[in-house]
């Protein structure tokens, strides 16, 4: 469901950006994804600094 919301947001912002010729519309999907990631990091039931260090200590 969330993928569809981001897809619709992206398509809508690209259409609005092309029609209105304003570059700020293209930043909307990126800002939405950043906001979603921030909310998900805050929701983790650990102290914030421990969560951030855990995320950056993960090795692929």
N, C-alpha and C. Protein backbone atom coordinates (compact mmCIF):
# COMPACT_ATOMS: atom_id res chain seq x y z
N UNK A 1 0.83 -1.20 0.00
CA UNK A 1 0.00 0.00 0.00
C UNK A 1 0.87 1.26 0.00
N UNK A 2 1.93 1.21 0.80
CA UNK A 2 2.79 2.38 0.91
C UNK A 2 3.52 2.66 -0.40
N UNK A 3 3.86 1.60 -1.13
CA UNK A 3 4.53 1.76 -2.42
C UNK A 3 3.63 2.51 -3.39
N UNK A 4 2.34 2.18 -3.37
CA UNK A 4 1.40 2.86 -4.26
C UNK A 4 1.27 4.33 -3.89
N UNK A 5 1.28 4.64 -2.61
CA UNK A 5 1.19 6.04 -2.18
C UNK A 5 2.40 6.82 -2.67
N UNK A 6 3.60 6.25 -2.52
CA UNK A 6 4.81 6.93 -3.01
C UNK A 6 4.80 7.03 -4.53
N UNK A 7 4.29 6.01 -5.23
CA UNK A 7 4.24 6.05 -6.69
C UNK A 7 3.28 7.15 -7.16
N UNK A 8 2.12 7.23 -6.56
CA UNK A 8 1.16 8.27 -6.93
C UNK A 8 1.71 9.65 -6.60
N UNK A 9 2.35 9.79 -5.46
CA UNK A 9 2.96 11.06 -5.09
C UNK A 9 4.04 11.46 -6.09
N UNK A 10 4.86 10.50 -6.50
CA UNK A 10 5.92 10.78 -7.45
C UNK A 10 5.36 11.18 -8.82
N UNK A 11 4.40 10.42 -9.31
CA UNK A 11 3.80 10.73 -10.61
C UNK A 11 3.11 12.08 -10.58
N UNK A 12 2.38 12.33 -9.51
CA UNK A 12 1.70 13.62 -9.38
C UNK A 12 2.65 14.79 -9.30
N UNK A 13 3.74 14.63 -8.58
CA UNK A 13 4.68 15.73 -8.46
C UNK A 13 5.45 15.97 -9.76
N UNK A 14 5.73 14.90 -10.51
CA UNK A 14 6.39 15.08 -11.81
C UNK A 14 5.45 15.80 -12.78
N UNK A 15 4.20 15.41 -12.80
CA UNK A 15 3.23 16.09 -13.68
C UNK A 15 3.09 17.56 -13.28
N UNK A 16 2.97 17.82 -11.98
CA UNK A 16 2.84 19.21 -11.52
C UNK A 16 4.11 20.00 -11.82
N UNK A 17 5.27 19.37 -11.65
CA UNK A 17 6.52 20.06 -11.93
C UNK A 17 6.70 20.41 -13.38
N UNK A 18 6.27 19.52 -14.26
CA UNK A 18 6.38 19.80 -15.70
C UNK A 18 5.38 20.85 -16.13
N UNK A 19 4.15 20.76 -15.63
CA UNK A 19 3.12 21.72 -16.02
C UNK A 19 3.42 23.13 -15.51
N UNK A 20 3.81 23.23 -14.25
CA UNK A 20 4.03 24.53 -13.64
C UNK A 20 5.45 25.04 -13.80
N UNK A 21 6.35 24.19 -14.28
CA UNK A 21 7.76 24.54 -14.49
C UNK A 21 8.42 25.07 -13.20
N UNK A 22 8.14 24.37 -12.10
CA UNK A 22 8.75 24.71 -10.82
C UNK A 22 9.50 23.50 -10.31
N UNK A 23 10.75 23.71 -9.97
CA UNK A 23 11.61 22.60 -9.56
C UNK A 23 11.29 22.06 -8.18
N UNK A 24 10.64 22.83 -7.35
CA UNK A 24 10.38 22.36 -5.98
C UNK A 24 9.42 21.18 -5.94
N UNK A 25 8.60 20.98 -6.97
CA UNK A 25 7.72 19.82 -7.01
C UNK A 25 8.51 18.52 -7.08
N UNK A 26 9.71 18.57 -7.70
CA UNK A 26 10.51 17.36 -7.85
C UNK A 26 11.15 16.93 -6.52
N UNK A 27 11.21 17.81 -5.55
CA UNK A 27 11.77 17.48 -4.25
C UNK A 27 10.74 16.85 -3.31
N UNK A 28 9.48 16.93 -3.66
CA UNK A 28 8.42 16.42 -2.79
C UNK A 28 8.52 14.92 -2.52
N UNK A 29 8.72 14.06 -3.52
CA UNK A 29 8.84 12.62 -3.21
C UNK A 29 10.06 12.29 -2.35
N UNK A 30 11.16 13.00 -2.57
CA UNK A 30 12.37 12.77 -1.77
C UNK A 30 12.12 13.19 -0.33
N UNK A 31 11.47 14.32 -0.14
CA UNK A 31 11.15 14.78 1.20
C UNK A 31 10.17 13.82 1.90
N UNK A 32 9.24 13.28 1.15
CA UNK A 32 8.28 12.33 1.73
C UNK A 32 8.98 11.05 2.18
N UNK A 33 9.90 10.55 1.36
CA UNK A 33 10.64 9.34 1.76
C UNK A 33 11.54 9.60 2.96
N UNK A 34 12.18 10.76 3.00
CA UNK A 34 13.01 11.11 4.14
C UNK A 34 12.16 11.21 5.41
N UNK A 35 11.01 11.83 5.29
CA UNK A 35 10.10 11.93 6.44
C UNK A 35 9.63 10.58 6.92
N UNK A 36 9.32 9.68 5.99
CA UNK A 36 8.90 8.33 6.36
C UNK A 36 10.02 7.59 7.08
N UNK A 37 11.24 7.70 6.57
CA UNK A 37 12.37 7.03 7.23
C UNK A 37 12.59 7.60 8.62
N UNK A 38 12.47 8.91 8.77
CA UNK A 38 12.66 9.53 10.08
C UNK A 38 11.61 9.03 11.08
N UNK A 39 10.37 8.93 10.63
CA UNK A 39 9.30 8.44 11.51
C UNK A 39 9.55 6.99 11.92
N UNK A 40 9.99 6.16 10.97
CA UNK A 40 10.25 4.76 11.29
C UNK A 40 11.43 4.61 12.24
N UNK A 41 12.44 5.44 12.12
CA UNK A 41 13.57 5.38 13.05
C UNK A 41 13.12 5.80 14.45
N UNK A 42 12.29 6.80 14.53
CA UNK A 42 11.80 7.28 15.83
C UNK A 42 10.91 6.22 16.49
N UNK A 43 10.19 5.42 15.71
CA UNK A 43 9.28 4.41 16.25
C UNK A 43 9.99 3.21 16.86
N UNK A 44 11.26 3.02 16.61
CA UNK A 44 11.99 1.87 17.15
C UNK A 44 12.06 2.01 18.68
N UNK A 45 11.75 0.94 19.43
CA UNK A 45 11.70 1.05 20.89
C UNK A 45 13.07 0.96 21.56
N UNK A 46 14.03 1.67 21.04
CA UNK A 46 15.36 1.78 21.64
C UNK A 46 15.68 3.26 21.76
N UNK A 47 16.65 3.62 22.57
CA UNK A 47 17.07 5.02 22.57
C UNK A 47 17.53 5.44 21.17
N UNK A 48 17.29 6.69 20.84
CA UNK A 48 17.53 7.17 19.47
C UNK A 48 18.98 6.98 19.05
N UNK A 49 19.93 7.32 19.91
CA UNK A 49 21.33 7.20 19.52
C UNK A 49 21.73 5.74 19.29
N UNK A 50 21.22 4.82 20.11
CA UNK A 50 21.50 3.40 19.92
C UNK A 50 20.93 2.91 18.59
N UNK A 51 19.76 3.40 18.24
CA UNK A 51 19.14 3.02 16.98
C UNK A 51 19.97 3.50 15.80
N UNK A 52 20.42 4.73 15.85
CA UNK A 52 21.21 5.29 14.75
C UNK A 52 22.54 4.56 14.62
N UNK A 53 23.21 4.29 15.73
CA UNK A 53 24.48 3.55 15.64
C UNK A 53 24.25 2.13 15.14
N UNK A 54 23.14 1.51 15.53
CA UNK A 54 22.83 0.17 15.02
C UNK A 54 22.63 0.17 13.51
N UNK A 55 21.92 1.17 13.00
CA UNK A 55 21.67 1.26 11.56
C UNK A 55 22.97 1.43 10.79
N UNK A 56 23.87 2.28 11.29
CA UNK A 56 25.11 2.54 10.55
C UNK A 56 26.14 1.45 10.79
N UNK A 57 25.97 0.60 11.79
CA UNK A 57 26.89 -0.50 12.01
C UNK A 57 26.54 -1.74 11.20
N UNK A 58 25.38 -1.74 10.55
CA UNK A 58 24.99 -2.89 9.73
C UNK A 58 25.89 -2.97 8.51
N UNK A 59 26.36 -4.15 8.25
CA UNK A 59 27.24 -4.36 7.07
C UNK A 59 26.52 -5.29 6.11
N UNK A 60 26.57 -4.95 4.83
CA UNK A 60 25.86 -5.73 3.83
C UNK A 60 26.55 -6.85 3.30
